[in-house]
Amino acid sequence: MENISNELTGGVLTLLVKTPNQANSVGVLQECFTFNHLARSETELEKFGFLGTLLGFATRSCQTFNIDLHPSIWKKIVG
C-alpha cells in the first residue's frame, strides 16, 4: 500500500494533483491532494474506479493508505 500511495502522489499517475496551497506553498493543508478534474478519458475514469476499489480494500482490511486527500474529498467519501 505504501508503494501505491507513493505512485499516486509522486506524479507518476495523473489521478491526484496537488492542491493550490501545496503548489504555491501558501496557506493551510499544503500536504493535501485532490482529484484531477481534467482526467476525463475512458482510461483515466477506469483508473479512478480502480482507485475507489483500492480505497475500499484498504478500509475493509484496516490497511494504511498514506494519501493526504483534501478534507472536502473525505467528507464526500464518508457522506
C-alpha atoms as a PDB file:
ATOM      1  CA  MET A   1       0.000   0.000   0.000  1.00  0.00           C
ATOM      2  CA  GLU A   2       2.933   2.325   0.672  1.00  0.00           C
ATOM      3  CA  ASN A   3       4.247   1.908  -2.886  1.00  0.00           C
ATOM      4  CA  ILE A   4       0.786   2.521  -4.334  1.00  0.00           C
ATOM      5  CA  SER A   5       0.415   5.665  -2.242  1.00  0.00           C
ATOM      6  CA  ASN A   6       3.794   6.936  -3.414  1.00  0.00           C
ATOM      7  CA  GLU A   7       2.939   6.323  -7.065  1.00  0.00           C
ATOM      8  CA  LEU A   8      -0.407   8.091  -6.749  1.00  0.00           C
ATOM      9  CA  THR A   9       1.107  11.194  -5.148  1.00  0.00           C
ATOM     10  CA  GLY A  10       4.512  11.190  -6.827  1.00  0.00           C
ATOM     11  CA  GLY A  11       3.385  12.400 -10.225  1.00  0.00           C
ATOM     12  CA  VAL A  12       3.607   9.003 -11.921  1.00  0.00           C
ATOM     13  CA  LEU A  13      -0.155   8.827 -12.368  1.00  0.00           C
ATOM     14  CA  THR A  14      -2.347  11.825 -13.136  1.00  0.00           C
ATOM     15  CA  LEU A  15      -5.313  10.922 -10.930  1.00  0.00           C
ATOM     16  CA  LEU A  16      -4.308  13.104  -7.999  1.00  0.00           C
ATOM     17  CA  VAL A  17      -2.922  16.625  -8.197  1.00  0.00           C
ATOM     18  CA  LYS A  18      -1.500  18.995  -5.626  1.00  0.00           C
ATOM     19  CA  THR A  19      -3.930  21.408  -4.039  1.00  0.00           C
ATOM     20  CA  PRO A  20      -3.349  25.061  -4.978  1.00  0.00           C
ATOM     21  CA  ASN A  21      -1.970  25.687  -1.476  1.00  0.00           C
ATOM     22  CA  GLN A  22       0.602  22.929  -1.930  1.00  0.00           C
ATOM     23  CA  ALA A  23       1.543  24.042  -5.430  1.00  0.00           C
ATOM     24  CA  ASN A  24       2.074  27.651  -4.280  1.00  0.00           C
ATOM     25  CA  SER A  25       3.433  26.872  -0.776  1.00  0.00           C
ATOM     26  CA  VAL A  26       0.899  29.114   0.948  1.00  0.00           C
ATOM     27  CA  GLY A  27      -1.896  28.659   3.454  1.00  0.00           C
ATOM     28  CA  VAL A  28      -3.010  25.561   5.303  1.00  0.00           C
ATOM     29  CA  LEU A  29      -3.379  21.946   4.165  1.00  0.00           C
ATOM     30  CA  GLN A  30      -0.286  22.131   1.953  1.00  0.00           C
ATOM     31  CA  GLU A  31       0.232  18.374   2.253  1.00  0.00           C
ATOM     32  CA  CYS A  32      -3.130  17.548   0.657  1.00  0.00           C
ATOM     33  CA  PHE A  33      -4.019  16.240  -2.781  1.00  0.00           C
ATOM     34  CA  THR A  34      -7.237  16.447  -4.730  1.00  0.00           C
ATOM     35  CA  PHE A  35      -8.683  14.601  -7.701  1.00  0.00           C
ATOM     36  CA  ASN A  36      -7.551  15.739 -11.122  1.00  0.00           C
ATOM     37  CA  HIS A  37     -10.677  17.333 -12.612  1.00  0.00           C
ATOM     38  CA  LEU A  38      -9.063  17.293 -16.069  1.00  0.00           C
ATOM     39  CA  ALA A  39      -8.791  13.483 -16.093  1.00  0.00           C
ATOM     40  CA  ARG A  40     -11.760  12.582 -18.283  1.00  0.00           C
ATOM     41  CA  SER A  41     -10.552   9.975 -20.739  1.00  0.00           C
ATOM     42  CA  GLU A  42     -12.024   6.498 -20.578  1.00  0.00           C
ATOM     43  CA  THR A  43      -8.711   5.081 -19.346  1.00  0.00           C
ATOM     44  CA  GLU A  44      -8.428   7.688 -16.592  1.00  0.00           C
ATOM     45  CA  LEU A  45     -12.006   7.078 -15.484  1.00  0.00           C
ATOM     46  CA  GLU A  46     -11.250   3.354 -15.248  1.00  0.00           C
ATOM     47  CA  LYS A  47      -8.216   4.206 -13.098  1.00  0.00           C
ATOM     48  CA  PHE A  48     -10.466   6.257 -10.810  1.00  0.00           C
ATOM     49  CA  GLY A  49     -12.719   3.222 -10.466  1.00  0.00           C
ATOM     50  CA  PHE A  50      -9.720   1.115  -9.508  1.00  0.00           C
ATOM     51  CA  LEU A  51      -8.617   3.784  -7.022  1.00  0.00           C
ATOM     52  CA  GLY A  52     -12.049   3.544  -5.414  1.00  0.00           C
ATOM     53  CA  THR A  53     -11.639  -0.224  -5.181  1.00  0.00           C
ATOM     54  CA  LEU A  54      -8.245   0.261  -3.517  1.00  0.00           C
ATOM     55  CA  LEU A  55      -9.690   2.719  -1.013  1.00  0.00           C
ATOM     56  CA  GLY A  56     -12.481   0.281  -0.202  1.00  0.00           C
ATOM     57  CA  PHE A  57      -9.999  -2.575   0.193  1.00  0.00           C
ATOM     58  CA  ALA A  58      -7.790  -0.505   2.483  1.00  0.00           C
ATOM     59  CA  THR A  59     -10.759   0.490   4.616  1.00  0.00           C
ATOM     60  CA  ARG A  60     -12.181  -3.007   4.948  1.00  0.00           C
ATOM     61  CA  SER A  61      -8.830  -4.650   5.687  1.00  0.00           C
ATOM     62  CA  CYS A  62      -7.634  -1.918   8.095  1.00  0.00           C
ATOM     63  CA  GLN A  63      -4.652  -1.148   5.848  1.00  0.00           C
ATOM     64  CA  THR A  64      -2.966   2.229   5.949  1.00  0.00           C
ATOM     65  CA  PHE A  65      -3.400   4.148   2.723  1.00  0.00           C
ATOM     66  CA  ASN A  66      -0.987   7.069   3.038  1.00  0.00           C
ATOM     67  CA  ILE A  67      -2.616   9.681   0.864  1.00  0.00           C
ATOM     68  CA  ASP A  68      -3.496  13.060   2.309  1.00  0.00           C
ATOM     69  CA  LEU A  69      -6.694  13.830   0.455  1.00  0.00           C
ATOM     70  CA  HIS A  70      -8.236  17.234   0.984  1.00  0.00           C
ATOM     71  CA  PRO A  71     -10.895  17.191   3.750  1.00  0.00           C
ATOM     72  CA  SER A  72     -13.643  18.106   1.278  1.00  0.00           C
ATOM     73  CA  ILE A  73     -12.952  14.847  -0.582  1.00  0.00           C
ATOM     74  CA  TRP A  74     -13.096  12.787   2.612  1.00  0.00           C
ATOM     75  CA  LYS A  75     -16.404  14.421   3.512  1.00  0.00           C
ATOM     76  CA  LYS A  76     -17.850  13.296   0.158  1.00  0.00           C
ATOM     77  CA  ILE A  77     -16.446   9.770   0.578  1.00  0.00           C
ATOM     78  CA  VAL A  78     -17.826   9.187   4.073  1.00  0.00           C
ATOM     79  CA  GLY A  79     -21.067  11.066   3.498  1.00  0.00           C
END
